[in-house]
Protein backbone atom coordinates (compact mmCIF):
# COMPACT_ATOMS: atom_id res chain seq x y z
CA MET A 1 44.09 5.10 8.66
CA ARG A 2 43.01 1.54 8.09
CA ARG A 3 39.91 1.24 6.26
CA VAL A 4 38.19 -2.04 6.45
CA ARG A 5 34.75 -3.42 5.34
CA PHE A 6 32.14 -5.95 6.41
CA ALA A 7 29.93 -7.10 3.52
CA PRO A 8 27.19 -9.71 4.62
CA SER A 9 24.37 -10.89 2.44
CA PRO A 10 20.99 -10.30 4.08
CA THR A 11 20.18 -13.95 4.46
CA GLY A 12 19.12 -13.79 8.05
CA SER A 13 20.88 -13.39 11.42
CA LEU A 14 24.72 -13.51 11.31
CA HIS A 15 26.38 -16.87 11.89
CA VAL A 16 29.55 -17.25 13.97
CA GLY A 17 31.99 -16.77 11.03
CA ASN A 18 30.40 -13.53 10.03
CA ALA A 19 30.23 -12.41 13.69
CA LEU A 20 33.98 -13.09 14.16
CA THR A 21 34.93 -11.30 10.74
CA ALA A 22 32.83 -8.28 11.81
CA ALA A 23 34.45 -8.20 15.33
CA ALA A 24 38.17 -8.63 13.73
CA ASN A 25 37.62 -5.99 11.04
CA ARG A 26 36.34 -3.61 13.87
CA ALA A 27 39.20 -4.39 16.02
CA PHE A 28 41.86 -4.00 13.48
CA GLY A 29 40.38 -1.16 11.35
CA ASP A 30 40.30 2.43 12.15
CA TRP A 31 37.15 3.01 10.05
CA LEU A 32 34.42 0.32 9.15
CA LEU A 33 32.18 0.15 6.20
CA LEU A 34 29.26 -1.84 6.56
CA ARG A 35 28.06 -2.88 3.06
CA ILE A 36 25.03 -4.95 2.66
CA ASP A 37 25.47 -7.05 -0.43
CA ASP A 38 22.15 -8.01 -1.81
CA THR A 39 23.45 -9.79 -4.84
CA ASP A 40 21.78 -13.18 -4.43
CA LEU A 41 18.21 -12.23 -4.36
CA SER A 42 17.02 -16.08 -4.33
CA ARG A 43 18.63 -16.47 -0.92
CA ASN A 44 17.64 -13.34 0.72
CA VAL A 45 15.04 -13.59 3.55
CA GLU A 46 12.44 -10.86 4.60
CA GLY A 47 14.02 -8.90 7.34
CA GLY A 48 17.46 -10.16 6.96
CA GLU A 49 19.17 -6.80 6.78
CA GLN A 50 17.42 -5.74 9.91
CA ASP A 51 18.40 -9.01 11.50
CA ILE A 52 22.22 -8.30 10.72
CA LEU A 53 21.95 -4.71 12.12
CA ARG A 54 20.38 -6.04 15.20
CA ASP A 55 22.97 -8.67 15.70
CA LEU A 56 25.91 -6.26 15.12
CA GLU A 57 24.34 -3.77 17.65
CA TRP A 58 24.03 -6.64 20.24
CA LEU A 59 27.55 -7.58 19.75
CA GLY A 60 28.71 -3.96 20.30
CA ILE A 61 30.10 -3.57 16.65
CA SER A 62 29.63 -0.09 15.30
CA TRP A 63 30.32 1.10 11.89
CA ASP A 64 31.36 4.40 10.38
CA GLU A 65 29.34 4.29 7.12
CA ALA A 66 26.78 1.86 5.73
CA LEU A 67 25.64 1.28 2.30
CA ARG A 68 23.30 -1.13 0.59
CA ARG A 69 24.25 -2.85 -2.77
CA VAL A 70 21.64 -4.40 -4.85
CA ASP A 71 22.76 -5.85 -8.20
CA ALA A 72 20.64 -8.85 -9.48
CA ALA A 73 22.93 -9.23 -12.55
CA LEU A 74 25.75 -10.52 -10.55
């Protein structure tokens, strides 16, 4: 089994590069981890995580597990 991950920062809607990365990971992996990396708090926007989830759903990209990582020390 090929496990892959997609780890965007919640800074708003997906841009084309992130969308392509997510689509490629879903296509080449058997199992996709969606990991929201909330490590740069100064760049985050309110609702950014929900925007990412909405965009992935609109693109038809599903994930097998999701987690949220918050670490302001990084």
